[in-house]
Amino acid sequence: MYDCFRTIYEPSGLTVTSTERPGGITVLTLVGDIDAATVGTLDEALATGERLVVDLSRVAFLSCAGVRSLLQANDRTELAVVLGGHAVTRSLEATGADLVLKVHPGVGAALAGLGPEPGREA
């Protein structure tokens, strides 16, 4: 498991890595904190595709602003979310977003959950 705690020597913020997968799926791997200062980075990343897997396994903190962004993206895209640590899971559960979003324990499960591209046979 990844260590989700930063030391005073590590910068705060959020980084996003985007990987294209078969079936028109974009996997977004996020590292850092999602809060009021970084939610714009999340919003930009969520606007990059129509079929998204959002990997939160290396996110240490997820604010309500981040949850809102995920819910808004879920309304306009096919979205699967990979759960992160306790703080991320707790944010999703406390807001009820875990009942609305398609949440998965890992990227493989999220990819399988999205299934084949609409209009194409498996």
PDB file of N, CA and C in Angstrom:
ATOM      1  N   MET A   1       0.841  -1.179   0.000  1.00  0.00           N
ATOM      2  CA  MET A   1       0.000   0.000   0.000  1.00  0.00           C
ATOM      3  C   MET A   1       0.882   1.236   0.000  1.00  0.00           C
ATOM      4  N   TYR A   2       0.395   2.291  -0.578  1.00  0.00           N
ATOM      5  CA  TYR A   2       1.147   3.531  -0.650  1.00  0.00           C
ATOM      6  C   TYR A   2       1.048   4.291   0.660  1.00  0.00           C
ATOM      7  N   ASP A   3       2.127   4.965   1.004  1.00  0.00           N
ATOM      8  CA  ASP A   3       2.116   5.827   2.179  1.00  0.00           C
ATOM      9  C   ASP A   3       1.461   7.134   1.770  1.00  0.00           C
ATOM     10  N   CYS A   4       0.325   7.445   2.352  1.00  0.00           N
ATOM     11  CA  CYS A   4      -0.430   8.633   1.953  1.00  0.00           C
ATOM     12  C   CYS A   4      -0.074   9.869   2.759  1.00  0.00           C
ATOM     13  N   PHE A   5       0.911   9.787   3.615  1.00  0.00           N
ATOM     14  CA  PHE A   5       1.266  10.925   4.437  1.00  0.00           C
ATOM     15  C   PHE A   5       2.471  11.641   3.864  1.00  0.00           C
ATOM     16  N   ARG A   6       2.392  12.972   3.788  1.00  0.00           N
ATOM     17  CA  ARG A   6       3.506  13.783   3.309  1.00  0.00           C
ATOM     18  C   ARG A   6       4.352  14.213   4.497  1.00  0.00           C
ATOM     19  N   THR A   7       5.599  14.459   4.225  1.00  0.00           N
ATOM     20  CA  THR A   7       6.464  15.062   5.234  1.00  0.00           C
ATOM     21  C   THR A   7       6.560  16.555   4.929  1.00  0.00           C
ATOM     22  N   ILE A   8       7.209  17.305   5.788  1.00  0.00           N
ATOM     23  CA  ILE A   8       7.341  18.737   5.550  1.00  0.00           C
ATOM     24  C   ILE A   8       8.202  19.025   4.330  1.00  0.00           C
ATOM     25  N   TYR A   9       8.925  18.031   3.841  1.00  0.00           N
ATOM     26  CA  TYR A   9       9.801  18.232   2.691  1.00  0.00           C
ATOM     27  C   TYR A   9       9.117  17.964   1.360  1.00  0.00           C
ATOM     28  N   GLU A  10       7.912  17.420   1.384  1.00  0.00           N
ATOM     29  CA  GLU A  10       7.198  17.116   0.164  1.00  0.00           C
ATOM     30  C   GLU A  10       6.218  18.240  -0.146  1.00  0.00           C
ATOM     31  N   PRO A  11       6.108  18.623  -1.411  1.00  0.00           N
ATOM     32  CA  PRO A  11       5.188  19.710  -1.761  1.00  0.00           C
ATOM     33  C   PRO A  11       3.739  19.250  -1.667  1.00  0.00           C
ATOM     34  N   SER A  12       2.881  20.202  -1.358  1.00  0.00           N
ATOM     35  CA  SER A  12       1.451  19.896  -1.371  1.00  0.00           C
ATOM     36  C   SER A  12       0.956  20.065  -2.792  1.00  0.00           C
ATOM     37  N   GLY A  13      -0.240  19.636  -3.040  1.00  0.00           N
ATOM     38  CA  GLY A  13      -0.810  19.794  -4.369  1.00  0.00           C
ATOM     39  C   GLY A  13      -1.377  18.502  -4.885  1.00  0.00           C
ATOM     40  N   LEU A  14      -1.642  18.511  -6.169  1.00  0.00           N
ATOM     41  CA  LEU A  14      -2.253  17.368  -6.824  1.00  0.00           C
ATOM     42  C   LEU A  14      -1.624  17.198  -8.194  1.00  0.00           C
ATOM     43  N   THR A  15      -1.215  15.978  -8.485  1.00  0.00           N
ATOM     44  CA  THR A  15      -0.733  15.669  -9.828  1.00  0.00           C
ATOM     45  C   THR A  15      -1.666  14.642 -10.448  1.00  0.00           C
ATOM     46  N   VAL A  16      -1.813  14.726 -11.759  1.00  0.00           N
ATOM     47  CA  VAL A  16      -2.692  13.822 -12.490  1.00  0.00           C
ATOM     48  C   VAL A  16      -1.913  13.219 -13.646  1.00  0.00           C
ATOM     49  N   THR A  17      -1.966  11.906 -13.746  1.00  0.00           N
ATOM     50  CA  THR A  17      -1.394  11.196 -14.883  1.00  0.00           C
ATOM     51  C   THR A  17      -2.544  10.559 -15.647  1.00  0.00           C
ATOM     52  N   SER A  18      -2.553  10.764 -16.953  1.00  0.00           N
ATOM     53  CA  SER A  18      -3.621  10.250 -17.797  1.00  0.00           C
ATOM     54  C   SER A  18      -3.078   9.143 -18.681  1.00  0.00           C
ATOM     55  N   THR A  19      -3.786   8.005 -18.726  1.00  0.00           N
ATOM     56  CA  THR A  19      -3.399   6.865 -19.545  1.00  0.00           C
ATOM     57  C   THR A  19      -4.597   6.413 -20.369  1.00  0.00           C
ATOM     58  N   GLU A  20      -4.396   6.301 -21.673  1.00  0.00           N
ATOM     59  CA  GLU A  20      -5.468   5.830 -22.550  1.00  0.00           C
ATOM     60  C   GLU A  20      -5.489   4.309 -22.545  1.00  0.00           C
ATOM     61  N   ARG A  21      -6.668   3.732 -22.412  1.00  0.00           N
ATOM     62  CA  ARG A  21      -6.841   2.279 -22.410  1.00  0.00           C
ATOM     63  C   ARG A  21      -7.780   1.881 -23.535  1.00  0.00           C
ATOM     64  N   PRO A  22      -7.770   0.627 -23.935  1.00  0.00           N
ATOM     65  CA  PRO A  22      -8.694   0.167 -24.978  1.00  0.00           C
ATOM     66  C   PRO A  22     -10.148   0.430 -24.579  1.00  0.00           C
ATOM     67  N   GLY A  23     -10.987   0.586 -25.587  1.00  0.00           N
ATOM     68  CA  GLY A  23     -12.402   0.818 -25.330  1.00  0.00           C
ATOM     69  C   GLY A  23     -12.735   2.278 -25.090  1.00  0.00           C
ATOM     70  N   GLY A  24     -11.796   3.171 -25.416  1.00  0.00           N
ATOM     71  CA  GLY A  24     -12.061   4.596 -25.229  1.00  0.00           C
ATOM     72  C   GLY A  24     -12.056   5.034 -23.782  1.00  0.00           C
ATOM     73  N   ILE A  25     -11.356   4.295 -22.930  1.00  0.00           N
ATOM     74  CA  ILE A  25     -11.313   4.600 -21.502  1.00  0.00           C
ATOM     75  C   ILE A  25     -10.025   5.353 -21.176  1.00  0.00           C
ATOM     76  N   THR A  26     -10.155   6.423 -20.415  1.00  0.00           N
ATOM     77  CA  THR A  26      -9.014   7.170 -19.906  1.00  0.00           C
ATOM     78  C   THR A  26      -8.903   6.904 -18.412  1.00  0.00           C
ATOM     79  N   VAL A  27      -7.719   6.461 -17.974  1.00  0.00           N
ATOM     80  CA  VAL A  27      -7.473   6.259 -16.548  1.00  0.00           C
ATOM     81  C   VAL A  27      -6.731   7.481 -16.030  1.00  0.00           C
ATOM     82  N   LEU A  28      -7.316   8.135 -15.034  1.00  0.00           N
ATOM     83  CA  LEU A  28      -6.704   9.285 -14.385  1.00  0.00           C
ATOM     84  C   LEU A  28      -6.166   8.834 -13.033  1.00  0.00           C
ATOM     85  N   THR A  29      -4.847   8.906 -12.860  1.00  0.00           N
ATOM     86  CA  THR A  29      -4.231   8.545 -11.588  1.00  0.00           C
ATOM     87  C   THR A  29      -3.878   9.835 -10.868  1.00  0.00           C
ATOM     88  N   LEU A  30      -4.483  10.031  -9.702  1.00  0.00           N
ATOM     89  CA  LEU A  30      -4.278  11.254  -8.945  1.00  0.00           C
ATOM     90  C   LEU A  30      -3.383  10.979  -7.749  1.00  0.00           C
ATOM     91  N   VAL A  31      -2.488  11.922  -7.475  1.00  0.00           N
ATOM     92  CA  VAL A  31      -1.581  11.807  -6.331  1.00  0.00           C
ATOM     93  C   VAL A  31      -1.573  13.141  -5.599  1.00  0.00           C
ATOM     94  N   GLY A  32      -1.875  13.108  -4.304  1.00  0.00           N
ATOM     95  CA  GLY A  32      -1.843  14.327  -3.496  1.00  0.00           C
ATOM     96  C   GLY A  32      -3.150  14.531  -2.764  1.00  0.00           C
ATOM     97  N   ASP A  33      -3.490  15.803  -2.581  1.00  0.00           N
ATOM     98  CA  ASP A  33      -4.703  16.191  -1.878  1.00  0.00           C
ATOM     99  C   ASP A  33      -5.667  16.851  -2.842  1.00  0.00           C
ATOM    100  N   ILE A  34      -6.952  16.575  -2.674  1.00  0.00           N
ATOM    101  CA  ILE A  34      -7.981  17.257  -3.448  1.00  0.00           C
ATOM    102  C   ILE A  34      -8.734  18.149  -2.476  1.00  0.00           C
ATOM    103  N   ASP A  35      -8.513  19.452  -2.626  1.00  0.00           N
ATOM    104  CA  ASP A  35      -9.138  20.436  -1.751  1.00  0.00           C
ATOM    105  C   ASP A  35      -9.467  21.676  -2.565  1.00  0.00           C
ATOM    106  N   ALA A  36      -9.835  22.763  -1.899  1.00  0.00           N
ATOM    107  CA  ALA A  36     -10.218  23.982  -2.616  1.00  0.00           C
ATOM    108  C   ALA A  36      -9.092  24.510  -3.495  1.00  0.00           C
ATOM    109  N   ALA A  37      -7.858  24.305  -3.088  1.00  0.00           N
ATOM    110  CA  ALA A  37      -6.714  24.809  -3.855  1.00  0.00           C
ATOM    111  C   ALA A  37      -6.413  23.969  -5.086  1.00  0.00           C
ATOM    112  N   THR A  38      -6.812  22.694  -5.097  1.00  0.00           N
ATOM    113  CA  THR A  38      -6.435  21.795  -6.196  1.00  0.00           C
ATOM    114  C   THR A  38      -7.626  21.269  -6.991  1.00  0.00           C
ATOM    115  N   VAL A  39      -8.836  21.616  -6.602  1.00  0.00           N
ATOM    116  CA  VAL A  39     -10.015  21.065  -7.274  1.00  0.00           C
ATOM    117  C   VAL A  39     -10.066  21.481  -8.747  1.00  0.00           C
ATOM    118  N   GLY A  40      -9.494  22.612  -9.093  1.00  0.00           N
ATOM    119  CA  GLY A  40      -9.439  23.029 -10.497  1.00  0.00           C
ATOM    120  C   GLY A  40      -8.653  22.043 -11.345  1.00  0.00           C
ATOM    121  N   THR A  41      -7.573  21.510 -10.789  1.00  0.00           N
ATOM    122  CA  THR A  41      -6.785  20.489 -11.487  1.00  0.00           C
ATOM    123  C   THR A  41      -7.635  19.248 -11.722  1.00  0.00           C
ATOM    124  N   LEU A  42      -8.404  18.848 -10.716  1.00  0.00           N
ATOM    125  CA  LEU A  42      -9.304  17.701 -10.856  1.00  0.00           C
ATOM    126  C   LEU A  42     -10.351  17.982 -11.926  1.00  0.00           C
ATOM    127  N   ASP A  43     -10.955  19.162 -11.900  1.00  0.00           N
ATOM    128  CA  ASP A  43     -11.983  19.507 -12.884  1.00  0.00           C
ATOM    129  C   ASP A  43     -11.440  19.434 -14.306  1.00  0.00           C
ATOM    130  N   GLU A  44     -10.241  19.945 -14.517  1.00  0.00           N
ATOM    131  CA  GLU A  44      -9.619  19.896 -15.845  1.00  0.00           C
ATOM    132  C   GLU A  44      -9.406  18.453 -16.290  1.00  0.00           C
ATOM    133  N   ALA A  45      -8.944  17.613 -15.382  1.00  0.00           N
ATOM    134  CA  ALA A  45      -8.697  16.207 -15.712  1.00  0.00           C
ATOM    135  C   ALA A  45     -10.000  15.485 -16.034  1.00  0.00           C
ATOM    136  N   LEU A  46     -11.050  15.781 -15.291  1.00  0.00           N
ATOM    137  CA  LEU A  46     -12.336  15.109 -15.498  1.00  0.00           C
ATOM    138  C   LEU A  46     -13.014  15.528 -16.804  1.00  0.00           C
ATOM    139  N   ALA A  47     -12.549  16.613 -17.400  1.00  0.00           N
ATOM    140  CA  ALA A  47     -13.118  17.093 -18.658  1.00  0.00           C
ATOM    141  C   ALA A  47     -12.435  16.475 -19.873  1.00  0.00           C
ATOM    142  N   THR A  48     -11.523  15.522 -19.663  1.00  0.00           N
ATOM    143  CA  THR A  48     -10.709  15.004 -20.758  1.00  0.00           C
ATOM    144  C   THR A  48     -11.288  13.793 -21.480  1.00  0.00           C
ATOM    145  N   GLY A  49     -12.379  13.238 -21.029  1.00  0.00           N
ATOM    146  CA  GLY A  49     -12.903  12.050 -21.690  1.00  0.00           C
ATOM    147  C   GLY A  49     -14.348  11.785 -21.354  1.00  0.00           C
ATOM    148  N   GLU A  50     -14.906  10.818 -22.074  1.00  0.00           N
ATOM    149  CA  GLU A  50     -16.302  10.435 -21.850  1.00  0.00           C
ATOM    150  C   GLU A  50     -16.425   9.149 -21.059  1.00  0.00           C
ATOM    151  N   ARG A  51     -15.336   8.374 -20.996  1.00  0.00           N
ATOM    152  CA  ARG A  51     -15.308   7.130 -20.209  1.00  0.00           C
ATOM    153  C   ARG A  51     -14.056   7.206 -19.351  1.00  0.00           C
ATOM    154  N   LEU A  52     -14.248   7.427 -18.047  1.00  0.00           N
ATOM    155  CA  LEU A  52     -13.125   7.699 -17.158  1.00  0.00           C
ATOM    156  C   LEU A  52     -13.064   6.729 -15.987  1.00  0.00           C
ATOM    157  N   VAL A  53     -11.842   6.329 -15.661  1.00  0.00           N
ATOM    158  CA  VAL A  53     -11.556   5.666 -14.398  1.00  0.00           C
ATOM    159  C   VAL A  53     -10.716   6.658 -13.607  1.00  0.00           C
ATOM    160  N   VAL A  54     -11.184   7.018 -12.418  1.00  0.00           N
ATOM    161  CA  VAL A  54     -10.470   7.962 -11.564  1.00  0.00           C
ATOM    162  C   VAL A  54      -9.878   7.172 -10.406  1.00  0.00           C
ATOM    163  N   ASP A  55      -8.555   7.049 -10.414  1.00  0.00           N
ATOM    164  CA  ASP A  55      -7.839   6.274  -9.403  1.00  0.00           C
ATOM    165  C   ASP A  55      -7.459   7.197  -8.245  1.00  0.00           C
ATOM    166  N   LEU A  56      -8.152   7.030  -7.120  1.00  0.00           N
ATOM    167  CA  LEU A  56      -7.915   7.835  -5.919  1.00  0.00           C
ATOM    168  C   LEU A  56      -7.061   7.099  -4.890  1.00  0.00           C
ATOM    169  N   SER A  57      -6.429   5.990  -5.288  1.00  0.00           N
ATOM    170  CA  SER A  57      -5.696   5.172  -4.323  1.00  0.00           C
ATOM    171  C   SER A  57      -4.489   5.885  -3.722  1.00  0.00           C
ATOM    172  N   ARG A  58      -4.007   6.956  -4.356  1.00  0.00           N
ATOM    173  CA  ARG A  58      -2.858   7.695  -3.823  1.00  0.00           C
ATOM    174  C   ARG A  58      -3.244   9.119  -3.417  1.00  0.00           C
ATOM    175  N   VAL A  59      -4.535   9.324  -3.175  1.00  0.00           N
ATOM    176  CA  VAL A  59      -5.027  10.610  -2.696  1.00  0.00           C
ATOM    177  C   VAL A  59      -5.162  10.524  -1.180  1.00  0.00           C
ATOM    178  N   ALA A  60      -4.550  11.483  -0.489  1.00  0.00           N
ATOM    179  CA  ALA A  60      -4.557  11.470   0.970  1.00  0.00           C
ATOM    180  C   ALA A  60      -5.763  12.189   1.567  1.00  0.00           C
ATOM    181  N   PHE A  61      -6.344  13.132   0.821  1.00  0.00           N
ATOM    182  CA  PHE A  61      -7.459  13.927   1.341  1.00  0.00           C
ATOM    183  C   PHE A  61      -8.399  14.275   0.202  1.00  0.00           C
ATOM    184  N   LEU A  62      -9.698  14.122   0.439  1.00  0.00           N
ATOM    185  CA  LEU A  62     -10.726  14.451  -0.550  1.00  0.00           C
ATOM    186  C   LEU A  62     -11.747  15.352   0.122  1.00  0.00           C
ATOM    187  N   SER A  63     -11.774  16.614  -0.302  1.00  0.00           N
ATOM    188  CA  SER A  63     -12.705  17.576   0.289  1.00  0.00           C
ATOM    189  C   SER A  63     -14.084  17.456  -0.349  1.00  0.00           C
ATOM    190  N   CYS A  64     -15.033  18.190   0.198  1.00  0.00           N
ATOM    191  CA  CYS A  64     -16.379  18.222  -0.375  1.00  0.00           C
ATOM    192  C   CYS A  64     -16.348  18.797  -1.781  1.00  0.00           C
ATOM    193  N   ALA A  65     -15.441  19.728  -2.047  1.00  0.00           N
ATOM    194  CA  ALA A  65     -15.313  20.283  -3.400  1.00  0.00           C
ATOM    195  C   ALA A  65     -14.902  19.189  -4.381  1.00  0.00           C
ATOM    196  N   GLY A  66     -14.026  18.298  -3.960  1.00  0.00           N
ATOM    197  CA  GLY A  66     -13.621  17.177  -4.804  1.00  0.00           C
ATOM    198  C   GLY A  66     -14.754  16.198  -5.032  1.00  0.00           C
ATOM    199  N   VAL A  67     -15.522  15.929  -3.993  1.00  0.00           N
ATOM    200  CA  VAL A  67     -16.679  15.037  -4.124  1.00  0.00           C
ATOM    201  C   VAL A  67     -17.674  15.633  -5.108  1.00  0.00           C
ATOM    202  N   ARG A  68     -17.921  16.929  -4.989  1.00  0.00           N
ATOM    203  CA  ARG A  68     -18.838  17.611  -5.912  1.00  0.00           C
ATOM    204  C   ARG A  68     -18.356  17.472  -7.356  1.00  0.00           C
ATOM    205  N   SER A  69     -17.067  17.645  -7.586  1.00  0.00           N
ATOM    206  CA  SER A  69     -16.515  17.511  -8.939  1.00  0.00           C
ATOM    207  C   SER A  69     -16.728  16.109  -9.491  1.00  0.00           C
ATOM    208  N   LEU A  70     -16.520  15.102  -8.654  1.00  0.00           N
ATOM    209  CA  LEU A  70     -16.742  13.726  -9.081  1.00  0.00           C
ATOM    210  C   LEU A  70     -18.210  13.489  -9.434  1.00  0.00           C
ATOM    211  N   LEU A  71     -19.111  14.017  -8.623  1.00  0.00           N
ATOM    212  CA  LEU A  71     -20.540  13.842  -8.880  1.00  0.00           C
ATOM    213  C   LEU A  71     -20.968  14.557 -10.160  1.00  0.00           C
ATOM    214  N   GLN A  72     -20.432  15.749 -10.395  1.00  0.00           N
ATOM    215  CA  GLN A  72     -20.751  16.478 -11.624  1.00  0.00           C
ATOM    216  C   GLN A  72     -20.226  15.725 -12.843  1.00  0.00           C
ATOM    217  N   ALA A  73     -19.020  15.187 -12.741  1.00  0.00           N
ATOM    218  CA  ALA A  73     -18.459  14.408 -13.850  1.00  0.00           C
ATOM    219  C   ALA A  73     -19.287  13.152 -14.088  1.00  0.00           C
ATOM    220  N   ASN A  74     -19.779  12.552 -13.028  1.00  0.00           N
ATOM    221  CA  ASN A  74     -20.607  11.350 -13.148  1.00  0.00           C
ATOM    222  C   ASN A  74     -21.889  11.625 -13.927  1.00  0.00           C
ATOM    223  N   ASP A  75     -22.404  12.853 -13.829  1.00  0.00           N
ATOM    224  CA  ASP A  75     -23.617  13.226 -14.551  1.00  0.00           C
ATOM    225  C   ASP A  75     -23.390  13.342 -16.055  1.00  0.00           C
ATOM    226  N   ARG A  76     -22.160  13.653 -16.469  1.00  0.00           N
ATOM    227  CA  ARG A  76     -21.912  13.906 -17.891  1.00  0.00           C
ATOM    228  C   ARG A  76     -21.021  12.866 -18.568  1.00  0.00           C
ATOM    229  N   THR A  77     -20.435  11.952 -17.798  1.00  0.00           N
ATOM    230  CA  THR A  77     -19.544  10.935 -18.365  1.00  0.00           C
ATOM    231  C   THR A  77     -19.869   9.577 -17.773  1.00  0.00           C
ATOM    232  N   GLU A  78     -19.270   8.561 -18.353  1.00  0.00           N
ATOM    233  CA  GLU A  78     -19.309   7.228 -17.758  1.00  0.00           C
ATOM    234  C   GLU A  78     -18.087   7.159 -16.847  1.00  0.00           C
ATOM    235  N   LEU A  79     -18.306   7.099 -15.553  1.00  0.00           N
ATOM    236  CA  LEU A  79     -17.247   7.276 -14.562  1.00  0.00           C
ATOM    237  C   LEU A  79     -17.174   6.092 -13.615  1.00  0.00           C
ATOM    238  N   ALA A  80     -15.953   5.638 -13.352  1.00  0.00           N
ATOM    239  CA  ALA A  80     -15.700   4.621 -12.330  1.00  0.00           C
ATOM    240  C   ALA A  80     -14.610   5.174 -11.417  1.00  0.00           C
ATOM    241  N   VAL A  81     -14.793   5.011 -10.122  1.00  0.00           N
ATOM    242  CA  VAL A  81     -13.873   5.570  -9.128  1.00  0.00           C
ATOM    243  C   VAL A  81     -13.197   4.442  -8.369  1.00  0.00           C
ATOM    244  N   VAL A  82     -11.871   4.522  -8.281  1.00  0.00           N
ATOM    245  CA  VAL A  82     -11.090   3.566  -7.496  1.00  0.00           C
ATOM    246  C   VAL A  82     -10.874   4.183  -6.122  1.00  0.00           C
ATOM    247  N   LEU A  83     -11.315   3.465  -5.101  1.00  0.00           N
ATOM    248  CA  LEU A  83     -11.226   3.983  -3.737  1.00  0.00           C
ATOM    249  C   LEU A  83      -9.787   4.134  -3.282  1.00  0.00           C
ATOM    250  N   GLY A  84      -9.589   5.118  -2.430  1.00  0.00           N
ATOM    251  CA  GLY A  84      -8.282   5.363  -1.841  1.00  0.00           C
ATOM    252  C   GLY A  84      -8.275   4.960  -0.388  1.00  0.00           C
ATOM    253  N   GLY A  85      -7.512   5.687   0.386  1.00  0.00           N
ATOM    254  CA  GLY A  85      -7.375   5.403   1.805  1.00  0.00           C
ATOM    255  C   GLY A  85      -8.621   5.758   2.592  1.00  0.00           C
ATOM    256  N   HIS A  86      -8.490   5.656   3.889  1.00  0.00           N
ATOM    257  CA  HIS A  86      -9.613   5.875   4.802  1.00  0.00           C
ATOM    258  C   HIS A  86     -10.235   7.261   4.645  1.00  0.00           C
ATOM    259  N   ALA A  87      -9.414   8.293   4.506  1.00  0.00           N
ATOM    260  CA  ALA A  87      -9.946   9.654   4.405  1.00  0.00           C
ATOM    261  C   ALA A  87     -10.799   9.831   3.154  1.00  0.00           C
ATOM    262  N   VAL A  88     -10.365   9.249   2.045  1.00  0.00           N
ATOM    263  CA  VAL A  88     -11.123   9.348   0.795  1.00  0.00           C
ATOM    264  C   VAL A  88     -12.427   8.574   0.914  1.00  0.00           C
ATOM    265  N   THR A  89     -12.348   7.356   1.388  1.00  0.00           N
ATOM    266  CA  THR A  89     -13.542   6.529   1.550  1.00  0.00           C
ATOM    267  C   THR A  89     -14.532   7.201   2.488  1.00  0.00           C
ATOM    268  N   ARG A  90     -14.033   7.759   3.564  1.00  0.00           N
ATOM    269  CA  ARG A  90     -14.904   8.421   4.533  1.00  0.00           C
ATOM    270  C   ARG A  90     -15.607   9.635   3.922  1.00  0.00           C
ATOM    271  N   SER A  91     -14.885  10.418   3.111  1.00  0.00           N
ATOM    272  CA  SER A  91     -15.504  11.575   2.447  1.00  0.00           C
ATOM    273  C   SER A  91     -16.641  11.129   1.527  1.00  0.00           C
ATOM    274  N   LEU A  92     -16.410  10.063   0.772  1.00  0.00           N
ATOM    275  CA  LEU A  92     -17.446   9.567  -0.133  1.00  0.00           C
ATOM    276  C   LEU A  92     -18.639   9.014   0.637  1.00  0.00           C
ATOM    277  N   GLU A  93     -18.376   8.291   1.722  1.00  0.00           N
ATOM    278  CA  GLU A  93     -19.464   7.723   2.529  1.00  0.00           C
ATOM    279  C   GLU A  93     -20.243   8.805   3.267  1.00  0.00           C
ATOM    280  N   ALA A  94     -19.544   9.796   3.825  1.00  0.00           N
ATOM    281  CA  ALA A  94     -20.201  10.848   4.608  1.00  0.00           C
ATOM    282  C   ALA A  94     -21.144  11.690   3.756  1.00  0.00           C
ATOM    283  N   THR A  95     -20.823  11.841   2.491  1.00  0.00           N
ATOM    284  CA  THR A  95     -21.660  12.643   1.597  1.00  0.00           C
ATOM    285  C   THR A  95     -22.704  11.802   0.866  1.00  0.00           C
ATOM    286  N   GLY A  96     -22.604  10.482   0.961  1.00  0.00           N
ATOM    287  CA  GLY A  96     -23.506   9.597   0.229  1.00  0.00           C
ATOM    288  C   GLY A  96     -23.088   9.399  -1.219  1.00  0.00           C
ATOM    289  N   ALA A  97     -21.956   9.974  -1.602  1.00  0.00           N
ATOM    290  CA  ALA A  97     -21.486   9.852  -2.985  1.00  0.00           C
ATOM    291  C   ALA A  97     -21.146   8.407  -3.333  1.00  0.00           C
ATOM    292  N   ASP A  98     -20.777   7.609  -2.337  1.00  0.00           N
ATOM    293  CA  ASP A  98     -20.458   6.202  -2.595  1.00  0.00           C
ATOM    294  C   ASP A  98     -21.670   5.421  -3.079  1.00  0.00           C
ATOM    295  N   LEU A  99     -22.872   5.938  -2.822  1.00  0.00           N
ATOM    296  CA  LEU A  99     -24.100   5.284  -3.277  1.00  0.00           C
ATOM    297  C   LEU A  99     -24.464   5.691  -4.698  1.00  0.00           C
ATOM    298  N   VAL A 100     -23.903   6.795  -5.172  1.00  0.00           N
ATOM    299  CA  VAL A 100     -24.199   7.325  -6.503  1.00  0.00           C
ATOM    300  C   VAL A 100     -23.123   6.925  -7.504  1.00  0.00           C
ATOM    301  N   LEU A 101     -21.870   7.006  -7.076  1.00  0.00           N
ATOM    302  CA  LEU A 101     -20.743   6.703  -7.951  1.00  0.00           C
ATOM    303  C   LEU A 101     -20.524   5.199  -8.052  1.00  0.00           C
ATOM    304  N   LYS A 102     -19.940   4.766  -9.170  1.00  0.00           N
ATOM    305  CA  LYS A 102     -19.509   3.380  -9.309  1.00  0.00           C
ATOM    306  C   LYS A 102     -18.126   3.300  -8.680  1.00  0.00           C
ATOM    307  N   VAL A 103     -18.044   2.719  -7.473  1.00  0.00           N
ATOM    308  CA  VAL A 103     -16.761   2.642  -6.769  1.00  0.00           C
ATOM    309  C   VAL A 103     -16.217   1.216  -6.849  1.00  0.00           C
ATOM    310  N   HIS A 104     -14.886   1.125  -6.947  1.00  0.00           N
ATOM    311  CA  HIS A 104     -14.216  -0.151  -7.123  1.00  0.00           C
ATOM    312  C   HIS A 104     -12.964  -0.188  -6.255  1.00  0.00           C
ATOM    313  N   PRO A 105     -12.508  -1.388  -5.888  1.00  0.00           N
ATOM    314  CA  PRO A 105     -11.318  -1.509  -5.037  1.00  0.00           C
ATOM    315  C   PRO A 105     -10.002  -1.344  -5.799  1.00  0.00           C
ATOM    316  N   GLY A 106     -10.025  -1.459  -7.129  1.00  0.00           N
ATOM    317  CA  GLY A 106      -8.797  -1.346  -7.911  1.00  0.00           C
ATOM    318  C   GLY A 106      -9.092  -0.948  -9.343  1.00  0.00           C
ATOM    319  N   VAL A 107      -8.028  -0.579 -10.068  1.00  0.00           N
ATOM    320  CA  VAL A 107      -8.184  -0.131 -11.454  1.00  0.00           C
ATOM    321  C   VAL A 107      -8.730  -1.251 -12.330  1.00  0.00           C
ATOM    322  N   GLY A 108      -8.241  -2.479 -12.144  1.00  0.00           N
ATOM    323  CA  GLY A 108      -8.723  -3.604 -12.939  1.00  0.00           C
ATOM    324  C   GLY A 108     -10.219  -3.802 -12.804  1.00  0.00           C
ATOM    325  N   ALA A 109     -10.709  -3.731 -11.582  1.00  0.00           N
ATOM    326  CA  ALA A 109     -12.149  -3.880 -11.351  1.00  0.00           C
ATOM    327  C   ALA A 109     -12.931  -2.722 -11.965  1.00  0.00           C
ATOM    328  N   ALA A 110     -12.368  -1.529 -11.908  1.00  0.00           N
ATOM    329  CA  ALA A 110     -13.036  -0.365 -12.494  1.00  0.00           C
ATOM    330  C   ALA A 110     -13.114  -0.497 -14.013  1.00  0.00           C
ATOM    331  N   LEU A 111     -12.028  -0.943 -14.630  1.00  0.00           N
ATOM    332  CA  LEU A 111     -12.029  -1.150 -16.081  1.00  0.00           C
ATOM    333  C   LEU A 111     -13.062  -2.205 -16.471  1.00  0.00           C
ATOM    334  N   ALA A 112     -13.112  -3.292 -15.724  1.00  0.00           N
ATOM    335  CA  ALA A 112     -14.091  -4.355 -15.993  1.00  0.00           C
ATOM    336  C   ALA A 112     -15.505  -3.840 -15.781  1.00  0.00           C
ATOM    337  N   GLY A 113     -15.687  -2.968 -14.788  1.00  0.00           N
ATOM    338  CA  GLY A 113     -16.997  -2.414 -14.495  1.00  0.00           C
ATOM    339  C   GLY A 113     -17.537  -1.520 -15.591  1.00  0.00           C
ATOM    340  N   LEU A 114     -16.647  -0.856 -16.313  1.00  0.00           N
ATOM    341  CA  LEU A 114     -17.099  -0.015 -17.423  1.00  0.00           C
ATOM    342  C   LEU A 114     -17.491  -0.853 -18.633  1.00  0.00           C
ATOM    343  N   GLY A 115     -16.860  -2.024 -18.766  1.00  0.00           N
ATOM    344  CA  GLY A 115     -17.221  -2.918 -19.858  1.00  0.00           C
ATOM    345  C   GLY A 115     -16.778  -2.392 -21.209  1.00  0.00           C
ATOM    346  N   PRO A 116     -17.253  -3.046 -22.293  1.00  0.00           N
ATOM    347  CA  PRO A 116     -16.859  -2.645 -23.635  1.00  0.00           C
ATOM    348  C   PRO A 116     -17.464  -1.292 -24.007  1.00  0.00           C
ATOM    349  N   GLU A 117     -16.833  -0.662 -24.979  1.00  0.00           N
ATOM    350  CA  GLU A 117     -17.317   0.629 -25.467  1.00  0.00           C
ATOM    351  C   GLU A 117     -18.725   0.455 -26.006  1.00  0.00           C
ATOM    352  N   PRO A 118     -19.634   1.403 -25.675  1.00  0.00           N
ATOM    353  CA  PRO A 118     -21.006   1.295 -26.179  1.00  0.00           C
ATOM    354  C   PRO A 118     -21.018   1.162 -27.700  1.00  0.00           C
ATOM    355  N   GLY A 119     -21.855   0.251 -28.204  1.00  0.00           N
ATOM    356  CA  GLY A 119     -21.959   0.039 -29.629  1.00  0.00           C
ATOM    357  C   GLY A 119     -20.967  -0.958 -30.181  1.00  0.00           C
ATOM    358  N   ARG A 120     -20.124  -1.528 -29.319  1.00  0.00           N
ATOM    359  CA  ARG A 120     -19.134  -2.517 -29.759  1.00  0.00           C
ATOM    360  C   ARG A 120     -19.342  -3.808 -28.988  1.00  0.00           C
ATOM    361  N   GLU A 121     -19.127  -4.894 -29.639  1.00  0.00           N
ATOM    362  CA  GLU A 121     -19.224  -6.206 -29.002  1.00  0.00           C
ATOM    363  C   GLU A 121     -17.996  -6.445 -28.139  1.00  0.00           C
ATOM    364  N   ALA A 122     -18.138  -7.244 -27.095  1.00  0.00           N
ATOM    365  CA  ALA A 122     -17.006  -7.539 -26.213  1.00  0.00           C
ATOM    366  C   ALA A 122     -16.033  -8.466 -26.875  1.00  0.00           C
TER     367      ALA A 122
END
